[in-house]
Amino acid sequence: MKPLKEKISITIDSDLLKELKREAEQDDRSLSQYINLILRKYIKAQKEEQ
């Protein structure tokens, strides 16, 4: 079963958004998919440090 997805609204710095969009395009992913990917990697790394 796929995890449920929820829509949220956030405010993000313009320069960061521009970079995220560029990186997502290079990785052939949507912006949403890319943000999910990097957040999952960050959370996993944080857990491994503990």
C-alpha atoms as a PDB file:
ATOM      1  CA  MET A   1       0.000   0.000   0.000  1.00  0.00           C
ATOM      2  CA  LYS A   2       1.391   3.381  -1.026  1.00  0.00           C
ATOM      3  CA  PRO A   3       1.832   5.957   1.706  1.00  0.00           C
ATOM      4  CA  LEU A   4      -0.823   8.628   1.786  1.00  0.00           C
ATOM      5  CA  LYS A   5       0.177  11.961   0.377  1.00  0.00           C
ATOM      6  CA  GLU A   6      -0.878  15.329   1.686  1.00  0.00           C
ATOM      7  CA  LYS A   7      -0.708  18.736   0.119  1.00  0.00           C
ATOM      8  CA  ILE A   8       0.930  21.503   2.097  1.00  0.00           C
ATOM      9  CA  SER A   9       1.758  25.101   1.485  1.00  0.00           C
ATOM     10  CA  ILE A  10       5.203  26.422   2.373  1.00  0.00           C
ATOM     11  CA  THR A  11       7.177  29.581   1.793  1.00  0.00           C
ATOM     12  CA  ILE A  12      10.646  29.087   0.391  1.00  0.00           C
ATOM     13  CA  ASP A  13      13.416  31.459  -0.626  1.00  0.00           C
ATOM     14  CA  SER A  14      13.380  32.238  -4.356  1.00  0.00           C
ATOM     15  CA  ASP A  15      17.006  31.289  -4.890  1.00  0.00           C
ATOM     16  CA  LEU A  16      16.493  27.938  -3.165  1.00  0.00           C
ATOM     17  CA  LEU A  17      13.368  27.211  -5.210  1.00  0.00           C
ATOM     18  CA  LYS A  18      15.206  28.007  -8.428  1.00  0.00           C
ATOM     19  CA  GLU A  19      18.007  25.602  -7.480  1.00  0.00           C
ATOM     20  CA  LEU A  20      15.565  22.860  -6.433  1.00  0.00           C
ATOM     21  CA  LYS A  21      13.709  23.152  -9.744  1.00  0.00           C
ATOM     22  CA  ARG A  22      16.988  22.943 -11.656  1.00  0.00           C
ATOM     23  CA  GLU A  23      18.135  19.890  -9.691  1.00  0.00           C
ATOM     24  CA  ALA A  24      14.750  18.171 -10.074  1.00  0.00           C
ATOM     25  CA  GLU A  25      14.834  18.703 -13.825  1.00  0.00           C
ATOM     26  CA  GLN A  26      18.366  17.295 -14.048  1.00  0.00           C
ATOM     27  CA  ASP A  27      17.209  14.256 -12.060  1.00  0.00           C
ATOM     28  CA  ASP A  28      14.153  13.893 -14.357  1.00  0.00           C
ATOM     29  CA  ARG A  29      11.737  14.279 -11.434  1.00  0.00           C
ATOM     30  CA  SER A  30       8.932  16.609 -10.549  1.00  0.00           C
ATOM     31  CA  LEU A  31       9.745  19.256  -7.971  1.00  0.00           C
ATOM     32  CA  SER A  32       7.506  17.484  -5.469  1.00  0.00           C
ATOM     33  CA  GLN A  33       9.187  14.116  -6.057  1.00  0.00           C
ATOM     34  CA  TYR A  34      12.609  15.686  -5.730  1.00  0.00           C
ATOM     35  CA  ILE A  35      11.795  17.471  -2.476  1.00  0.00           C
ATOM     36  CA  ASN A  36      10.379  14.229  -1.044  1.00  0.00           C
ATOM     37  CA  LEU A  37      13.543  12.388  -2.075  1.00  0.00           C
ATOM     38  CA  ILE A  38      15.962  14.837  -0.472  1.00  0.00           C
ATOM     39  CA  LEU A  39      13.875  15.110   2.693  1.00  0.00           C
ATOM     40  CA  ARG A  40      13.824  11.313   3.045  1.00  0.00           C
ATOM     41  CA  LYS A  41      17.603  11.175   2.561  1.00  0.00           C
ATOM     42  CA  TYR A  42      18.094  13.920   5.141  1.00  0.00           C
ATOM     43  CA  ILE A  43      15.848  12.225   7.719  1.00  0.00           C
ATOM     44  CA  LYS A  44      17.575   8.866   7.150  1.00  0.00           C
ATOM     45  CA  ALA A  45      21.006  10.477   7.609  1.00  0.00           C
ATOM     46  CA  GLN A  46      19.878  12.207  10.795  1.00  0.00           C
ATOM     47  CA  LYS A  47      18.617   8.919  12.240  1.00  0.00           C
ATOM     48  CA  GLU A  48      21.888   7.188  11.375  1.00  0.00           C
ATOM     49  CA  GLU A  49      23.855   9.880  13.234  1.00  0.00           C
ATOM     50  CA  GLN A  50      21.976   9.205  16.476  1.00  0.00           C
END
